[in-house]
């Protein structure tokens, strides 16, 4: 199955996220071994993007929630449990 976002094919999960966000994932998460200067520059760029797109965090949260809802059984390997057939206790008498 091929996945396209905004007319571009997403070959990997990272491609899909990058196309959906419009920015590389590393901009938000950083990279292992980055220097303090690289981190500061990355965070400045992220702040600029958020200033230009104030609804981006809400949009990303909505997209993530929709994806989790749509793929929850596969993501969490959810299997409905059968209720055990047991006896129900019946209480008799009046409450005091």
PDB file of N, CA and C in Angstrom:
ATOM      1  N   UNK A   1       0.845  -1.161   0.000  1.00  0.00           N
ATOM      2  CA  UNK A   1       0.000   0.000   0.000  1.00  0.00           C
ATOM      3  C   UNK A   1       0.900   1.238   0.000  1.00  0.00           C
ATOM      4  N   UNK A   2       0.591   2.207  -0.836  1.00  0.00           N
ATOM      5  CA  UNK A   2       1.360   3.437  -0.921  1.00  0.00           C
ATOM      6  C   UNK A   2       0.615   4.549  -0.200  1.00  0.00           C
ATOM      7  N   UNK A   3       1.385   5.398   0.481  1.00  0.00           N
ATOM      8  CA  UNK A   3       0.801   6.487   1.249  1.00  0.00           C
ATOM      9  C   UNK A   3       1.288   7.810   0.690  1.00  0.00           C
ATOM     10  N   UNK A   4       0.346   8.704   0.431  1.00  0.00           N
ATOM     11  CA  UNK A   4       0.686  10.026  -0.081  1.00  0.00           C
ATOM     12  C   UNK A   4       0.163  11.091   0.877  1.00  0.00           C
ATOM     13  N   UNK A   5       0.978  12.108   1.089  1.00  0.00           N
ATOM     14  CA  UNK A   5       0.584  13.257   1.894  1.00  0.00           C
ATOM     15  C   UNK A   5       0.865  14.487   1.062  1.00  0.00           C
ATOM     16  N   UNK A   6      -0.176  15.264   0.785  1.00  0.00           N
ATOM     17  CA  UNK A   6      -0.050  16.489  -0.009  1.00  0.00           C
ATOM     18  C   UNK A   6       0.653  16.224  -1.343  1.00  0.00           C
ATOM     19  N   UNK A   7       0.327  15.089  -1.942  1.00  0.00           N
ATOM     20  CA  UNK A   7       0.876  14.770  -3.261  1.00  0.00           C
ATOM     21  C   UNK A   7       2.264  14.165  -3.254  1.00  0.00           C
ATOM     22  N   UNK A   8       2.848  13.955  -2.086  1.00  0.00           N
ATOM     23  CA  UNK A   8       4.181  13.367  -1.981  1.00  0.00           C
ATOM     24  C   UNK A   8       4.073  11.992  -1.343  1.00  0.00           C
ATOM     25  N   UNK A   9       4.822  11.027  -1.876  1.00  0.00           N
ATOM     26  CA  UNK A   9       4.772   9.683  -1.335  1.00  0.00           C
ATOM     27  C   UNK A   9       5.623   9.583  -0.069  1.00  0.00           C
ATOM     28  N   UNK A  10       5.047   9.016   0.962  1.00  0.00           N
ATOM     29  CA  UNK A  10       5.764   8.771   2.214  1.00  0.00           C
ATOM     30  C   UNK A  10       6.252   7.328   2.194  1.00  0.00           C
ATOM     31  N   UNK A  11       7.564   7.164   2.134  1.00  0.00           N
ATOM     32  CA  UNK A  11       8.134   5.820   2.049  1.00  0.00           C
ATOM     33  C   UNK A  11       8.375   5.212   3.430  1.00  0.00           C
ATOM     34  N   UNK A  12       8.609   6.049   4.419  1.00  0.00           N
ATOM     35  CA  UNK A  12       8.857   5.570   5.777  1.00  0.00           C
ATOM     36  C   UNK A  12       7.938   6.309   6.743  1.00  0.00           C
ATOM     37  N   UNK A  13       7.930   5.849   7.974  1.00  0.00           N
ATOM     38  CA  UNK A  13       7.142   6.526   9.009  1.00  0.00           C
ATOM     39  C   UNK A  13       7.650   7.943   9.202  1.00  0.00           C
ATOM     40  N   UNK A  14       8.978   8.109   9.200  1.00  0.00           N
ATOM     41  CA  UNK A  14       9.542   9.451   9.354  1.00  0.00           C
ATOM     42  C   UNK A  14       9.140  10.355   8.191  1.00  0.00           C
ATOM     43  N   UNK A  15       9.104   9.810   6.970  1.00  0.00           N
ATOM     44  CA  UNK A  15       8.642  10.589   5.816  1.00  0.00           C
ATOM     45  C   UNK A  15       7.205  11.055   6.032  1.00  0.00           C
ATOM     46  N   UNK A  16       6.363  10.144   6.502  1.00  0.00           N
ATOM     47  CA  UNK A  16       4.954  10.472   6.726  1.00  0.00           C
ATOM     48  C   UNK A  16       4.818  11.597   7.740  1.00  0.00           C
ATOM     49  N   UNK A  17       5.525  11.485   8.861  1.00  0.00           N
ATOM     50  CA  UNK A  17       5.440  12.507   9.909  1.00  0.00           C
ATOM     51  C   UNK A  17       5.972  13.833   9.389  1.00  0.00           C
ATOM     52  N   UNK A  18       7.094  13.799   8.668  1.00  0.00           N
ATOM     53  CA  UNK A  18       7.673  15.031   8.124  1.00  0.00           C
ATOM     54  C   UNK A  18       6.722  15.699   7.140  1.00  0.00           C
ATOM     55  N   UNK A  19       6.100  14.918   6.285  1.00  0.00           N
ATOM     56  CA  UNK A  19       5.153  15.488   5.329  1.00  0.00           C
ATOM     57  C   UNK A  19       3.904  16.016   6.037  1.00  0.00           C
ATOM     58  N   UNK A  20       3.454  15.317   7.052  1.00  0.00           N
ATOM     59  CA  UNK A  20       2.267  15.766   7.775  1.00  0.00           C
ATOM     60  C   UNK A  20       2.541  17.047   8.552  1.00  0.00           C
ATOM     61  N   UNK A  21       3.723  17.144   9.163  1.00  0.00           N
ATOM     62  CA  UNK A  21       4.065  18.328   9.942  1.00  0.00           C
ATOM     63  C   UNK A  21       4.565  19.475   9.078  1.00  0.00           C
ATOM     64  N   UNK A  22       5.168  19.128   7.965  1.00  0.00           N
ATOM     65  CA  UNK A  22       5.779  20.156   7.119  1.00  0.00           C
ATOM     66  C   UNK A  22       7.172  20.534   7.590  1.00  0.00           C
ATOM     67  N   UNK A  23       7.682  19.813   8.567  1.00  0.00           N
ATOM     68  CA  UNK A  23       9.027  20.048   9.095  1.00  0.00           C
ATOM     69  C   UNK A  23       9.662  18.698   9.421  1.00  0.00           C
ATOM     70  N   UNK A  24      10.986  18.642   9.449  1.00  0.00           N
ATOM     71  CA  UNK A  24      11.631  17.384   9.849  1.00  0.00           C
ATOM     72  C   UNK A  24      11.367  17.069  11.318  1.00  0.00           C
ATOM     73  N   UNK A  25      11.228  15.813  11.640  1.00  0.00           N
ATOM     74  CA  UNK A  25      10.985  15.377  13.006  1.00  0.00           C
ATOM     75  C   UNK A  25      12.129  15.817  13.921  1.00  0.00           C
ATOM     76  N   UNK A  26      13.348  15.812  13.393  1.00  0.00           N
ATOM     77  CA  UNK A  26      14.513  16.176  14.195  1.00  0.00           C
ATOM     78  C   UNK A  26      14.426  17.607  14.716  1.00  0.00           C
ATOM     79  N   UNK A  27      13.701  18.469  14.008  1.00  0.00           N
ATOM     80  CA  UNK A  27      13.548  19.847  14.475  1.00  0.00           C
ATOM     81  C   UNK A  27      12.882  19.877  15.843  1.00  0.00           C
ATOM     82  N   UNK A  28      11.944  18.981  16.072  1.00  0.00           N
ATOM     83  CA  UNK A  28      11.184  18.970  17.323  1.00  0.00           C
ATOM     84  C   UNK A  28      11.810  18.069  18.371  1.00  0.00           C
ATOM     85  N   UNK A  29      12.431  16.991  17.944  1.00  0.00           N
ATOM     86  CA  UNK A  29      12.963  16.017  18.889  1.00  0.00           C
ATOM     87  C   UNK A  29      14.458  16.131  19.113  1.00  0.00           C
ATOM     88  N   UNK A  30      15.155  16.801  18.203  1.00  0.00           N
ATOM     89  CA  UNK A  30      16.601  16.896  18.316  1.00  0.00           C
ATOM     90  C   UNK A  30      17.275  15.646  17.783  1.00  0.00           C
ATOM     91  N   UNK A  31      18.595  15.668  17.826  1.00  0.00           N
ATOM     92  CA  UNK A  31      19.375  14.514  17.377  1.00  0.00           C
ATOM     93  C   UNK A  31      20.402  14.186  18.451  1.00  0.00           C
ATOM     94  N   UNK A  32      20.751  12.945  18.521  1.00  0.00           N
ATOM     95  CA  UNK A  32      21.717  12.505  19.523  1.00  0.00           C
ATOM     96  C   UNK A  32      23.069  13.165  19.248  1.00  0.00           C
ATOM     97  N   UNK A  33      23.668  13.681  20.300  1.00  0.00           N
ATOM     98  CA  UNK A  33      24.999  14.266  20.187  1.00  0.00           C
ATOM     99  C   UNK A  33      25.034  15.705  19.712  1.00  0.00           C
ATOM    100  N   UNK A  34      23.883  16.368  19.623  1.00  0.00           N
ATOM    101  CA  UNK A  34      23.906  17.756  19.172  1.00  0.00           C
ATOM    102  C   UNK A  34      24.561  18.643  20.230  1.00  0.00           C
ATOM    103  N   UNK A  35      25.229  19.679  19.767  1.00  0.00           N
ATOM    104  CA  UNK A  35      25.886  20.601  20.683  1.00  0.00           C
ATOM    105  C   UNK A  35      24.863  21.563  21.271  1.00  0.00           C
ATOM    106  N   UNK A  36      25.283  22.293  22.297  1.00  0.00           N
ATOM    107  CA  UNK A  36      24.397  23.292  22.894  1.00  0.00           C
ATOM    108  C   UNK A  36      24.014  24.353  21.866  1.00  0.00           C
ATOM    109  N   UNK A  37      24.954  24.724  21.008  1.00  0.00           N
ATOM    110  CA  UNK A  37      24.674  25.728  19.980  1.00  0.00           C
ATOM    111  C   UNK A  37      23.690  25.201  18.944  1.00  0.00           C
ATOM    112  N   UNK A  38      23.858  23.931  18.560  1.00  0.00           N
ATOM    113  CA  UNK A  38      22.931  23.325  17.600  1.00  0.00           C
ATOM    114  C   UNK A  38      21.530  23.223  18.206  1.00  0.00           C
ATOM    115  N   UNK A  39      21.463  22.840  19.477  1.00  0.00           N
ATOM    116  CA  UNK A  39      20.160  22.754  20.148  1.00  0.00           C
ATOM    117  C   UNK A  39      19.495  24.123  20.229  1.00  0.00           C
ATOM    118  N   UNK A  40      20.260  25.151  20.567  1.00  0.00           N
ATOM    119  CA  UNK A  40      19.704  26.499  20.660  1.00  0.00           C
ATOM    120  C   UNK A  40      19.185  26.964  19.301  1.00  0.00           C
ATOM    121  N   UNK A  41      19.933  26.694  18.236  1.00  0.00           N
ATOM    122  CA  UNK A  41      19.500  27.088  16.891  1.00  0.00           C
ATOM    123  C   UNK A  41      18.237  26.332  16.490  1.00  0.00           C
ATOM    124  N   UNK A  42      18.186  25.040  16.814  1.00  0.00           N
ATOM    125  CA  UNK A  42      17.012  24.222  16.491  1.00  0.00           C
ATOM    126  C   UNK A  42      15.790  24.733  17.246  1.00  0.00           C
ATOM    127  N   UNK A  43      15.955  25.033  18.508  1.00  0.00           N
ATOM    128  CA  UNK A  43      14.834  25.536  19.309  1.00  0.00           C
ATOM    129  C   UNK A  43      14.377  26.917  18.834  1.00  0.00           C
ATOM    130  N   UNK A  44      15.314  27.769  18.402  1.00  0.00           N
ATOM    131  CA  UNK A  44      14.934  29.070  17.840  1.00  0.00           C
ATOM    132  C   UNK A  44      14.096  28.888  16.579  1.00  0.00           C
ATOM    133  N   UNK A  45      14.525  27.959  15.717  1.00  0.00           N
ATOM    134  CA  UNK A  45      13.771  27.696  14.485  1.00  0.00           C
ATOM    135  C   UNK A  45      12.382  27.167  14.819  1.00  0.00           C
ATOM    136  N   UNK A  46      12.290  26.282  15.797  1.00  0.00           N
ATOM    137  CA  UNK A  46      10.989  25.728  16.198  1.00  0.00           C
ATOM    138  C   UNK A  46      10.083  26.827  16.741  1.00  0.00           C
ATOM    139  N   UNK A  47      10.644  27.735  17.546  1.00  0.00           N
ATOM    140  CA  UNK A  47       9.838  28.841  18.074  1.00  0.00           C
ATOM    141  C   UNK A  47       9.318  29.729  16.942  1.00  0.00           C
ATOM    142  N   UNK A  48      10.166  29.992  15.937  1.00  0.00           N
ATOM    143  CA  UNK A  48       9.732  30.796  14.787  1.00  0.00           C
ATOM    144  C   UNK A  48       8.586  30.116  14.046  1.00  0.00           C
ATOM    145  N   UNK A  49       8.693  28.806  13.861  1.00  0.00           N
ATOM    146  CA  UNK A  49       7.641  28.064  13.163  1.00  0.00           C
ATOM    147  C   UNK A  49       6.344  28.116  13.956  1.00  0.00           C
ATOM    148  N   UNK A  50       6.436  27.939  15.280  1.00  0.00           N
ATOM    149  CA  UNK A  50       5.235  27.997  16.113  1.00  0.00           C
ATOM    150  C   UNK A  50       4.628  29.395  16.129  1.00  0.00           C
ATOM    151  N   UNK A  51       5.470  30.431  16.073  1.00  0.00           N
ATOM    152  CA  UNK A  51       4.952  31.805  16.040  1.00  0.00           C
ATOM    153  C   UNK A  51       4.195  32.058  14.740  1.00  0.00           C
ATOM    154  N   UNK A  52       4.680  31.478  13.639  1.00  0.00           N
ATOM    155  CA  UNK A  52       4.027  31.648  12.342  1.00  0.00           C
ATOM    156  C   UNK A  52       2.801  30.748  12.185  1.00  0.00           C
ATOM    157  N   UNK A  53       2.737  29.669  12.961  1.00  0.00           N
ATOM    158  CA  UNK A  53       1.652  28.680  12.858  1.00  0.00           C
ATOM    159  C   UNK A  53       1.123  28.365  14.256  1.00  0.00           C
ATOM    160  N   UNK A  54       0.380  29.280  14.864  1.00  0.00           N
ATOM    161  CA  UNK A  54      -0.044  29.072  16.248  1.00  0.00           C
ATOM    162  C   UNK A  54      -0.959  27.868  16.462  1.00  0.00           C
ATOM    163  N   UNK A  55      -1.597  27.372  15.420  1.00  0.00           N
ATOM    164  CA  UNK A  55      -2.506  26.231  15.558  1.00  0.00           C
ATOM    165  C   UNK A  55      -1.794  24.887  15.345  1.00  0.00           C
ATOM    166  N   UNK A  56      -0.507  24.920  15.041  1.00  0.00           N
ATOM    167  CA  UNK A  56       0.227  23.684  14.757  1.00  0.00           C
ATOM    168  C   UNK A  56       0.165  22.680  15.909  1.00  0.00           C
ATOM    169  N   UNK A  57       0.402  23.068  17.163  1.00  0.00           N
ATOM    170  CA  UNK A  57       0.314  22.053  18.239  1.00  0.00           C
ATOM    171  C   UNK A  57      -1.063  21.397  18.334  1.00  0.00           C
ATOM    172  N   UNK A  58      -2.115  22.172  18.174  1.00  0.00           N
ATOM    173  CA  UNK A  58      -3.466  21.595  18.224  1.00  0.00           C
ATOM    174  C   UNK A  58      -3.710  20.666  17.041  1.00  0.00           C
ATOM    175  N   UNK A  59      -3.245  21.072  15.859  1.00  0.00           N
ATOM    176  CA  UNK A  59      -3.415  20.236  14.673  1.00  0.00           C
ATOM    177  C   UNK A  59      -2.658  18.914  14.817  1.00  0.00           C
ATOM    178  N   UNK A  60      -1.435  18.987  15.328  1.00  0.00           N
ATOM    179  CA  UNK A  60      -0.633  17.774  15.517  1.00  0.00           C
ATOM    180  C   UNK A  60      -1.291  16.862  16.543  1.00  0.00           C
ATOM    181  N   UNK A  61      -1.785  17.431  17.628  1.00  0.00           N
ATOM    182  CA  UNK A  61      -2.464  16.625  18.653  1.00  0.00           C
ATOM    183  C   UNK A  61      -3.708  15.960  18.090  1.00  0.00           C
ATOM    184  N   UNK A  62      -4.481  16.703  17.284  1.00  0.00           N
ATOM    185  CA  UNK A  62      -5.695  16.141  16.678  1.00  0.00           C
ATOM    186  C   UNK A  62      -5.345  14.998  15.739  1.00  0.00           C
ATOM    187  N   UNK A  63      -4.323  15.195  14.898  1.00  0.00           N
ATOM    188  CA  UNK A  63      -3.913  14.157  13.948  1.00  0.00           C
ATOM    189  C   UNK A  63      -3.434  12.919  14.697  1.00  0.00           C
ATOM    190  N   UNK A  64      -2.648  13.115  15.754  1.00  0.00           N
ATOM    191  CA  UNK A  64      -2.156  11.981  16.546  1.00  0.00           C
ATOM    192  C   UNK A  64      -3.312  11.227  17.189  1.00  0.00           C
ATOM    193  N   UNK A  65      -4.276  11.962  17.746  1.00  0.00           N
ATOM    194  CA  UNK A  65      -5.431  11.317  18.386  1.00  0.00           C
ATOM    195  C   UNK A  65      -6.247  10.537  17.357  1.00  0.00           C
ATOM    196  N   UNK A  66      -6.435  11.095  16.173  1.00  0.00           N
ATOM    197  CA  UNK A  66      -7.184  10.394  15.130  1.00  0.00           C
ATOM    198  C   UNK A  66      -6.450   9.130  14.693  1.00  0.00           C
ATOM    199  N   UNK A  67      -5.130   9.203  14.574  1.00  0.00           N
ATOM    200  CA  UNK A  67      -4.353   8.028  14.180  1.00  0.00           C
ATOM    201  C   UNK A  67      -4.418   6.950  15.250  1.00  0.00           C
ATOM    202  N   UNK A  68      -4.312   7.348  16.507  1.00  0.00           N
ATOM    203  CA  UNK A  68      -4.393   6.372  17.597  1.00  0.00           C
ATOM    204  C   UNK A  68      -5.765   5.714  17.615  1.00  0.00           C
ATOM    205  N   UNK A  69      -6.808   6.518  17.434  1.00  0.00           N
ATOM    206  CA  UNK A  69      -8.160   5.965  17.430  1.00  0.00           C
ATOM    207  C   UNK A  69      -8.349   4.991  16.261  1.00  0.00           C
ATOM    208  N   UNK A  70      -7.844   5.372  15.101  1.00  0.00           N
ATOM    209  CA  UNK A  70      -8.034   4.535  13.915  1.00  0.00           C
ATOM    210  C   UNK A  70      -7.227   3.239  13.982  1.00  0.00           C
ATOM    211  N   UNK A  71      -6.051   3.289  14.582  1.00  0.00           N
ATOM    212  CA  UNK A  71      -5.162   2.131  14.568  1.00  0.00           C
ATOM    213  C   UNK A  71      -4.924   1.538  15.949  1.00  0.00           C
ATOM    214  N   UNK A  72      -5.752   1.866  16.932  1.00  0.00           N
ATOM    215  CA  UNK A  72      -5.558   1.392  18.307  1.00  0.00           C
ATOM    216  C   UNK A  72      -5.438  -0.128  18.404  1.00  0.00           C
ATOM    217  N   UNK A  73      -6.310  -0.900  17.755  1.00  0.00           N
ATOM    218  CA  UNK A  73      -6.163  -2.359  17.897  1.00  0.00           C
ATOM    219  C   UNK A  73      -4.787  -2.851  17.443  1.00  0.00           C
ATOM    220  N   UNK A  74      -4.274  -2.304  16.342  1.00  0.00           N
ATOM    221  CA  UNK A  74      -2.972  -2.734  15.857  1.00  0.00           C
ATOM    222  C   UNK A  74      -1.844  -2.182  16.727  1.00  0.00           C
ATOM    223  N   UNK A  75      -1.991  -0.939  17.193  1.00  0.00           N
ATOM    224  CA  UNK A  75      -0.946  -0.317  17.996  1.00  0.00           C
ATOM    225  C   UNK A  75      -0.801  -0.974  19.349  1.00  0.00           C
ATOM    226  N   UNK A  76      -1.913  -1.302  19.959  1.00  0.00           N
ATOM    227  CA  UNK A  76      -1.894  -1.808  21.319  1.00  0.00           C
ATOM    228  C   UNK A  76      -2.240  -3.281  21.426  1.00  0.00           C
ATOM    229  N   UNK A  77      -2.429  -3.952  20.299  1.00  0.00           N
ATOM    230  CA  UNK A  77      -2.758  -5.376  20.271  1.00  0.00           C
ATOM    231  C   UNK A  77      -3.932  -5.669  21.201  1.00  0.00           C
ATOM    232  N   UNK A  78      -4.998  -4.916  21.001  1.00  0.00           N
ATOM    233  CA  UNK A  78      -6.177  -5.024  21.855  1.00  0.00           C
ATOM    234  C   UNK A  78      -7.019  -6.229  21.444  1.00  0.00           C
ATOM    235  N   UNK A  79      -7.379  -7.037  22.422  1.00  0.00           N
ATOM    236  CA  UNK A  79      -8.236  -8.186  22.187  1.00  0.00           C
ATOM    237  C   UNK A  79      -9.384  -8.095  23.185  1.00  0.00           C
ATOM    238  N   UNK A  80     -10.625  -8.089  22.701  1.00  0.00           N
ATOM    239  CA  UNK A  80     -11.740  -8.023  23.651  1.00  0.00           C
ATOM    240  C   UNK A  80     -11.757  -9.259  24.547  1.00  0.00           C
ATOM    241  N   UNK A  81     -11.979  -9.039  25.819  1.00  0.00           N
ATOM    242  CA  UNK A  81     -12.032 -10.148  26.769  1.00  0.00           C
ATOM    243  C   UNK A  81     -13.473 -10.585  26.954  1.00  0.00           C
ATOM    244  N   UNK A  82     -13.651 -11.899  27.025  1.00  0.00           N
ATOM    245  CA  UNK A  82     -14.989 -12.443  27.260  1.00  0.00           C
ATOM    246  C   UNK A  82     -15.280 -12.353  28.747  1.00  0.00           C
ATOM    247  N   UNK A  83     -16.508 -12.023  29.064  1.00  0.00           N
ATOM    248  CA  UNK A  83     -16.913 -11.980  30.471  1.00  0.00           C
ATOM    249  C   UNK A  83     -17.041 -13.399  30.988  1.00  0.00           C
ATOM    250  N   UNK A  84     -16.478 -13.678  32.139  1.00  0.00           N
ATOM    251  CA  UNK A  84     -16.617 -15.031  32.677  1.00  0.00           C
ATOM    252  C   UNK A  84     -18.072 -15.284  33.074  1.00  0.00           C
ATOM    253  N   UNK A  85     -18.519 -16.461  32.775  1.00  0.00           N
ATOM    254  CA  UNK A  85     -19.888 -16.835  33.138  1.00  0.00           C
ATOM    255  C   UNK A  85     -19.872 -17.294  34.586  1.00  0.00           C
ATOM    256  N   UNK A  86     -20.339 -16.452  35.446  1.00  0.00           N
ATOM    257  CA  UNK A  86     -20.344 -16.788  36.865  1.00  0.00           C
ATOM    258  C   UNK A  86     -21.693 -16.508  37.466  1.00  0.00           C
ATOM    259  N   UNK A  87     -21.838 -16.888  38.711  1.00  0.00           N
ATOM    260  CA  UNK A  87     -23.102 -16.627  39.387  1.00  0.00           C
ATOM    261  C   UNK A  87     -23.090 -15.215  39.936  1.00  0.00           C
ATOM    262  N   UNK A  88     -24.195 -14.562  39.840  1.00  0.00           N
ATOM    263  CA  UNK A  88     -24.360 -13.240  40.427  1.00  0.00           C
ATOM    264  C   UNK A  88     -24.969 -13.425  41.805  1.00  0.00           C
ATOM    265  N   UNK A  89     -24.449 -12.700  42.766  1.00  0.00           N
ATOM    266  CA  UNK A  89     -25.023 -12.808  44.114  1.00  0.00           C
ATOM    267  C   UNK A  89     -26.260 -11.913  44.172  1.00  0.00           C
ATOM    268  N   UNK A  90     -27.286 -12.428  44.767  1.00  0.00           N
ATOM    269  CA  UNK A  90     -28.528 -11.700  44.911  1.00  0.00           C
ATOM    270  C   UNK A  90     -28.709 -11.400  46.399  1.00  0.00           C
ATOM    271  N   UNK A  91     -28.865 -10.142  46.694  1.00  0.00           N
ATOM    272  CA  UNK A  91     -29.070  -9.761  48.091  1.00  0.00           C
ATOM    273  C   UNK A  91     -30.569  -9.663  48.369  1.00  0.00           C
ATOM    274  N   UNK A  92     -30.944 -10.228  49.481  1.00  0.00           N
ATOM    275  CA  UNK A  92     -32.349 -10.193  49.861  1.00  0.00           C
ATOM    276  C   UNK A  92     -32.491  -9.385  51.132  1.00  0.00           C
ATOM    277  N   UNK A  93     -33.618  -8.790  51.270  1.00  0.00           N
ATOM    278  CA  UNK A  93     -33.886  -8.046  52.481  1.00  0.00           C
ATOM    279  C   UNK A  93     -33.963  -6.561  52.182  1.00  0.00           C
ATOM    280  N   UNK A  94     -34.339  -5.832  53.182  1.00  0.00           N
ATOM    281  CA  UNK A  94     -34.504  -4.388  53.047  1.00  0.00           C
ATOM    282  C   UNK A  94     -33.307  -3.681  53.650  1.00  0.00           C
ATOM    283  N   UNK A  95     -32.993  -2.552  53.099  1.00  0.00           N
ATOM    284  CA  UNK A  95     -31.899  -1.753  53.635  1.00  0.00           C
ATOM    285  C   UNK A  95     -32.374  -1.060  54.906  1.00  0.00           C
ATOM    286  N   UNK A  96     -31.514  -0.958  55.885  1.00  0.00           N
ATOM    287  CA  UNK A  96     -31.917  -0.346  57.152  1.00  0.00           C
ATOM    288  C   UNK A  96     -31.877   1.148  57.090  1.00  0.00           C
TER     289      UNK A  96
END
